[in-house]
Amino acid sequence: MTESAPEPKAASGDSRARDRAVIARIAAAERWARTPDRAAATEPARRGLRARFEREADPDGILDAAERARRADALMTAHMLRLARASAKTRRSATERGRPR
């Protein structure tokens, strides 16, 4: 059995915010329990994200498909690196405040 994720902490200590976070986690767990194929369930979101980067890489639609894909891959990598950097910064700040996440 895997460990559950730590309960999200409300920035203001608001118990209503914590309660809403727990309710959301319950709903997500129930949803995934009823989903036989997670990859299929999330495919539309992945396609949409990919399309976003392709539009950003080639807003005028003038590049050939291979070049558009290469540039979209680079933009997606940059996006994921930004997310990782922000996550690390948040964890570092929480640790420095004495609240490991």
N, C-alpha and C. Protein backbone atom coordinates (compact mmCIF):
# COMPACT_ATOMS: atom_id res chain seq x y z
N MET A 1 0.84 -1.17 0.00
CA MET A 1 0.00 0.00 0.00
C MET A 1 0.89 1.24 0.00
N THR A 2 0.51 2.25 -0.76
CA THR A 2 1.33 3.45 -0.85
C THR A 2 0.89 4.46 0.18
N GLU A 3 1.82 5.34 0.52
CA GLU A 3 1.50 6.41 1.46
C GLU A 3 0.63 7.43 0.77
N SER A 4 -0.33 7.99 1.50
CA SER A 4 -1.15 9.03 0.91
C SER A 4 -0.38 10.34 0.95
N ALA A 5 -0.73 11.22 0.04
CA ALA A 5 -0.07 12.53 -0.02
C ALA A 5 -0.42 13.32 1.22
N PRO A 6 0.48 14.18 1.68
CA PRO A 6 0.16 14.99 2.84
C PRO A 6 -1.00 15.92 2.54
N GLU A 7 -1.79 16.18 3.57
CA GLU A 7 -2.95 17.06 3.39
C GLU A 7 -2.47 18.46 3.07
N PRO A 8 -3.06 19.10 2.03
CA PRO A 8 -2.65 20.46 1.70
C PRO A 8 -2.90 21.40 2.86
N LYS A 9 -2.01 22.34 3.05
CA LYS A 9 -2.14 23.31 4.13
C LYS A 9 -2.70 24.61 3.58
N ALA A 10 -3.66 25.18 4.26
CA ALA A 10 -4.19 26.47 3.86
C ALA A 10 -3.21 27.54 4.29
N ALA A 11 -2.97 28.51 3.44
CA ALA A 11 -2.00 29.57 3.74
C ALA A 11 -2.41 30.35 4.97
N SER A 12 -3.69 30.59 5.13
CA SER A 12 -4.15 31.41 6.25
C SER A 12 -4.52 30.58 7.48
N GLY A 13 -4.43 29.27 7.38
CA GLY A 13 -4.85 28.43 8.50
C GLY A 13 -6.35 28.27 8.55
N ASP A 14 -7.03 28.67 7.51
CA ASP A 14 -8.48 28.60 7.45
C ASP A 14 -8.95 27.16 7.39
N SER A 15 -9.73 26.73 8.37
CA SER A 15 -10.19 25.34 8.41
C SER A 15 -11.14 25.04 7.26
N ARG A 16 -11.87 26.03 6.79
CA ARG A 16 -12.77 25.81 5.63
C ARG A 16 -11.95 25.47 4.39
N ALA A 17 -10.84 26.13 4.20
CA ALA A 17 -9.99 25.86 3.05
C ALA A 17 -9.41 24.45 3.15
N ARG A 18 -9.00 24.05 4.34
CA ARG A 18 -8.48 22.69 4.53
C ARG A 18 -9.57 21.67 4.26
N ASP A 19 -10.78 21.95 4.72
CA ASP A 19 -11.90 21.04 4.51
C ASP A 19 -12.20 20.90 3.01
N ARG A 20 -12.18 22.02 2.29
CA ARG A 20 -12.43 21.97 0.84
C ARG A 20 -11.34 21.15 0.14
N ALA A 21 -10.11 21.29 0.60
CA ALA A 21 -9.01 20.52 0.01
C ALA A 21 -9.22 19.03 0.23
N VAL A 22 -9.66 18.64 1.41
CA VAL A 22 -9.90 17.23 1.70
C VAL A 22 -11.07 16.71 0.86
N ILE A 23 -12.11 17.51 0.73
CA ILE A 23 -13.26 17.12 -0.09
C ILE A 23 -12.81 16.90 -1.54
N ALA A 24 -11.97 17.77 -2.04
CA ALA A 24 -11.46 17.63 -3.41
C ALA A 24 -10.63 16.37 -3.56
N ARG A 25 -9.81 16.06 -2.57
CA ARG A 25 -8.99 14.84 -2.64
C ARG A 25 -9.87 13.60 -2.61
N ILE A 26 -10.94 13.62 -1.82
CA ILE A 26 -11.87 12.50 -1.77
C ILE A 26 -12.52 12.30 -3.14
N ALA A 27 -12.97 13.41 -3.74
CA ALA A 27 -13.61 13.33 -5.06
C ALA A 27 -12.65 12.78 -6.11
N ALA A 28 -11.41 13.23 -6.07
CA ALA A 28 -10.42 12.75 -7.03
C ALA A 28 -10.16 11.25 -6.84
N ALA A 29 -10.04 10.82 -5.59
CA ALA A 29 -9.79 9.40 -5.33
C ALA A 29 -10.96 8.54 -5.82
N GLU A 30 -12.17 9.01 -5.59
CA GLU A 30 -13.35 8.27 -6.05
C GLU A 30 -13.41 8.23 -7.57
N ARG A 31 -13.09 9.35 -8.20
CA ARG A 31 -13.12 9.41 -9.66
C ARG A 31 -12.14 8.40 -10.25
N TRP A 32 -10.90 8.39 -9.74
CA TRP A 32 -9.90 7.48 -10.29
C TRP A 32 -10.21 6.03 -9.96
N ALA A 33 -10.92 5.79 -8.87
CA ALA A 33 -11.31 4.42 -8.53
C ALA A 33 -12.32 3.87 -9.54
N ARG A 34 -13.11 4.76 -10.14
CA ARG A 34 -14.11 4.34 -11.12
C ARG A 34 -13.60 4.39 -12.56
N THR A 35 -12.38 4.83 -12.77
CA THR A 35 -11.84 4.99 -14.12
C THR A 35 -10.98 3.79 -14.48
N PRO A 36 -11.42 2.98 -15.46
CA PRO A 36 -10.65 1.79 -15.80
C PRO A 36 -9.35 2.10 -16.55
N ASP A 37 -9.33 3.17 -17.33
CA ASP A 37 -8.16 3.48 -18.14
C ASP A 37 -7.79 4.95 -17.94
N ARG A 38 -6.85 5.19 -17.03
CA ARG A 38 -6.45 6.57 -16.73
C ARG A 38 -5.87 7.29 -17.93
N ALA A 39 -5.09 6.59 -18.71
CA ALA A 39 -4.47 7.21 -19.89
C ALA A 39 -5.54 7.71 -20.85
N ALA A 40 -6.56 6.89 -21.08
CA ALA A 40 -7.63 7.30 -21.98
C ALA A 40 -8.41 8.48 -21.39
N ALA A 41 -8.59 8.48 -20.08
CA ALA A 41 -9.35 9.56 -19.44
C ALA A 41 -8.63 10.90 -19.52
N THR A 42 -7.31 10.87 -19.52
CA THR A 42 -6.55 12.11 -19.54
C THR A 42 -6.03 12.49 -20.92
N GLU A 43 -6.30 11.64 -21.92
CA GLU A 43 -5.83 11.91 -23.28
C GLU A 43 -6.29 13.26 -23.83
N PRO A 44 -7.57 13.65 -23.68
CA PRO A 44 -7.98 14.95 -24.21
C PRO A 44 -7.18 16.11 -23.61
N ALA A 45 -6.84 16.03 -22.34
CA ALA A 45 -6.05 17.09 -21.71
C ALA A 45 -4.64 17.12 -22.28
N ARG A 46 -4.04 15.95 -22.48
CA ARG A 46 -2.69 15.91 -23.06
C ARG A 46 -2.69 16.45 -24.49
N ARG A 47 -3.71 16.08 -25.27
CA ARG A 47 -3.81 16.61 -26.64
C ARG A 47 -3.96 18.12 -26.62
N GLY A 48 -4.78 18.63 -25.71
CA GLY A 48 -4.98 20.07 -25.61
C GLY A 48 -3.71 20.81 -25.23
N LEU A 49 -2.95 20.27 -24.29
CA LEU A 49 -1.70 20.90 -23.89
C LEU A 49 -0.71 20.89 -25.04
N ARG A 50 -0.64 19.77 -25.74
CA ARG A 50 0.26 19.67 -26.88
C ARG A 50 -0.13 20.70 -27.96
N ALA A 51 -1.43 20.83 -28.21
CA ALA A 51 -1.91 21.79 -29.22
C ALA A 51 -1.56 23.22 -28.82
N ARG A 52 -1.63 23.50 -27.52
CA ARG A 52 -1.25 24.83 -27.04
C ARG A 52 0.20 25.15 -27.41
N PHE A 53 1.10 24.20 -27.16
CA PHE A 53 2.51 24.44 -27.47
C PHE A 53 2.75 24.51 -28.97
N GLU A 54 2.01 23.74 -29.74
CA GLU A 54 2.15 23.82 -31.19
C GLU A 54 1.68 25.18 -31.71
N ARG A 55 0.57 25.69 -31.16
CA ARG A 55 0.10 27.03 -31.56
C ARG A 55 1.11 28.10 -31.16
N GLU A 56 1.70 27.94 -30.00
CA GLU A 56 2.71 28.90 -29.54
C GLU A 56 3.96 28.84 -30.42
N ALA A 57 4.35 27.64 -30.84
CA ALA A 57 5.54 27.46 -31.66
C ALA A 57 5.33 27.96 -33.09
N ASP A 58 4.10 27.86 -33.57
CA ASP A 58 3.82 28.20 -34.97
C ASP A 58 2.45 28.88 -35.07
N PRO A 59 2.34 30.11 -34.57
CA PRO A 59 1.03 30.77 -34.55
C PRO A 59 0.43 31.01 -35.94
N ASP A 60 1.28 31.13 -36.95
CA ASP A 60 0.77 31.39 -38.30
C ASP A 60 0.59 30.11 -39.12
N GLY A 61 0.99 28.98 -38.57
CA GLY A 61 0.82 27.70 -39.26
C GLY A 61 1.66 27.56 -40.51
N ILE A 62 2.86 28.12 -40.50
CA ILE A 62 3.69 28.09 -41.71
C ILE A 62 4.80 27.03 -41.66
N LEU A 63 5.09 26.49 -40.49
CA LEU A 63 6.16 25.50 -40.37
C LEU A 63 5.69 24.13 -40.82
N ASP A 64 6.63 23.30 -41.27
CA ASP A 64 6.26 21.92 -41.58
C ASP A 64 6.05 21.18 -40.25
N ALA A 65 5.35 20.06 -40.32
CA ALA A 65 4.94 19.33 -39.11
C ALA A 65 6.12 18.93 -38.23
N ALA A 66 7.21 18.49 -38.84
CA ALA A 66 8.37 18.04 -38.05
C ALA A 66 8.99 19.20 -37.28
N GLU A 67 9.13 20.35 -37.92
CA GLU A 67 9.72 21.52 -37.24
C GLU A 67 8.80 22.04 -36.15
N ARG A 68 7.49 22.06 -36.44
CA ARG A 68 6.51 22.50 -35.43
C ARG A 68 6.58 21.57 -34.22
N ALA A 69 6.67 20.27 -34.44
CA ALA A 69 6.76 19.30 -33.35
C ALA A 69 8.04 19.49 -32.54
N ARG A 70 9.15 19.73 -33.23
CA ARG A 70 10.43 19.93 -32.53
C ARG A 70 10.35 21.16 -31.63
N ARG A 71 9.80 22.24 -32.16
CA ARG A 71 9.69 23.47 -31.36
C ARG A 71 8.69 23.31 -30.22
N ALA A 72 7.60 22.62 -30.48
CA ALA A 72 6.61 22.38 -29.43
C ALA A 72 7.22 21.54 -28.30
N ASP A 73 8.04 20.55 -28.67
CA ASP A 73 8.73 19.74 -27.66
C ASP A 73 9.62 20.63 -26.78
N ALA A 74 10.35 21.54 -27.41
CA ALA A 74 11.23 22.44 -26.65
C ALA A 74 10.43 23.34 -25.72
N LEU A 75 9.30 23.85 -26.21
CA LEU A 75 8.45 24.70 -25.37
C LEU A 75 7.86 23.91 -24.20
N MET A 76 7.48 22.68 -24.45
CA MET A 76 6.93 21.86 -23.38
C MET A 76 8.00 21.55 -22.34
N THR A 77 9.21 21.27 -22.79
CA THR A 77 10.32 21.02 -21.86
C THR A 77 10.56 22.26 -20.99
N ALA A 78 10.57 23.43 -21.61
CA ALA A 78 10.77 24.68 -20.86
C ALA A 78 9.66 24.86 -19.84
N HIS A 79 8.43 24.58 -20.22
CA HIS A 79 7.29 24.70 -19.32
C HIS A 79 7.44 23.77 -18.11
N MET A 80 7.79 22.52 -18.37
CA MET A 80 7.95 21.55 -17.29
C MET A 80 9.11 21.92 -16.37
N LEU A 81 10.18 22.46 -16.94
CA LEU A 81 11.30 22.90 -16.11
C LEU A 81 10.90 24.08 -15.23
N ARG A 82 10.09 24.99 -15.76
CA ARG A 82 9.59 26.10 -14.93
C ARG A 82 8.75 25.58 -13.76
N LEU A 83 7.89 24.60 -14.05
CA LEU A 83 7.07 24.01 -12.99
C LEU A 83 7.95 23.35 -11.93
N ALA A 84 8.95 22.61 -12.36
CA ALA A 84 9.85 21.94 -11.42
C ALA A 84 10.60 22.96 -10.57
N ARG A 85 11.04 24.03 -11.20
CA ARG A 85 11.76 25.08 -10.47
C ARG A 85 10.86 25.73 -9.41
N ALA A 86 9.62 26.03 -9.79
CA ALA A 86 8.68 26.65 -8.85
C ALA A 86 8.37 25.70 -7.69
N SER A 87 8.22 24.42 -8.00
CA SER A 87 7.95 23.42 -6.97
C SER A 87 9.12 23.32 -5.99
N ALA A 88 10.33 23.29 -6.52
CA ALA A 88 11.52 23.21 -5.66
C ALA A 88 11.64 24.45 -4.78
N LYS A 89 11.34 25.61 -5.35
CA LYS A 89 11.40 26.86 -4.59
C LYS A 89 10.39 26.83 -3.45
N THR A 90 9.18 26.34 -3.72
CA THR A 90 8.14 26.25 -2.69
C THR A 90 8.55 25.29 -1.59
N ARG A 91 9.08 24.13 -1.97
CA ARG A 91 9.54 23.16 -0.95
C ARG A 91 10.67 23.74 -0.12
N ARG A 92 11.60 24.43 -0.79
CA ARG A 92 12.73 25.04 -0.08
C ARG A 92 12.23 26.08 0.92
N SER A 93 11.30 26.93 0.50
CA SER A 93 10.75 27.95 1.39
C SER A 93 10.03 27.34 2.58
N ALA A 94 9.26 26.30 2.33
CA ALA A 94 8.53 25.63 3.42
C ALA A 94 9.51 25.02 4.41
N THR A 95 10.58 24.41 3.92
CA THR A 95 11.58 23.81 4.80
C THR A 95 12.28 24.89 5.63
N GLU A 96 12.59 26.00 5.01
CA GLU A 96 13.26 27.09 5.72
C GLU A 96 12.36 27.67 6.82
N ARG A 97 11.05 27.63 6.61
CA ARG A 97 10.12 28.10 7.62
C ARG A 97 9.83 27.04 8.68
N GLY A 98 10.47 25.87 8.51
CA GLY A 98 10.29 24.81 9.49
C GLY A 98 9.06 23.97 9.24
N ARG A 99 8.50 24.05 8.04
CA ARG A 99 7.32 23.26 7.70
C ARG A 99 7.62 22.42 6.47
N PRO A 100 8.32 21.29 6.62
CA PRO A 100 8.58 20.46 5.45
C PRO A 100 7.29 19.97 4.82
N ARG A 101 7.25 19.94 3.50
CA ARG A 101 6.04 19.51 2.79
C ARG A 101 6.15 18.09 2.35
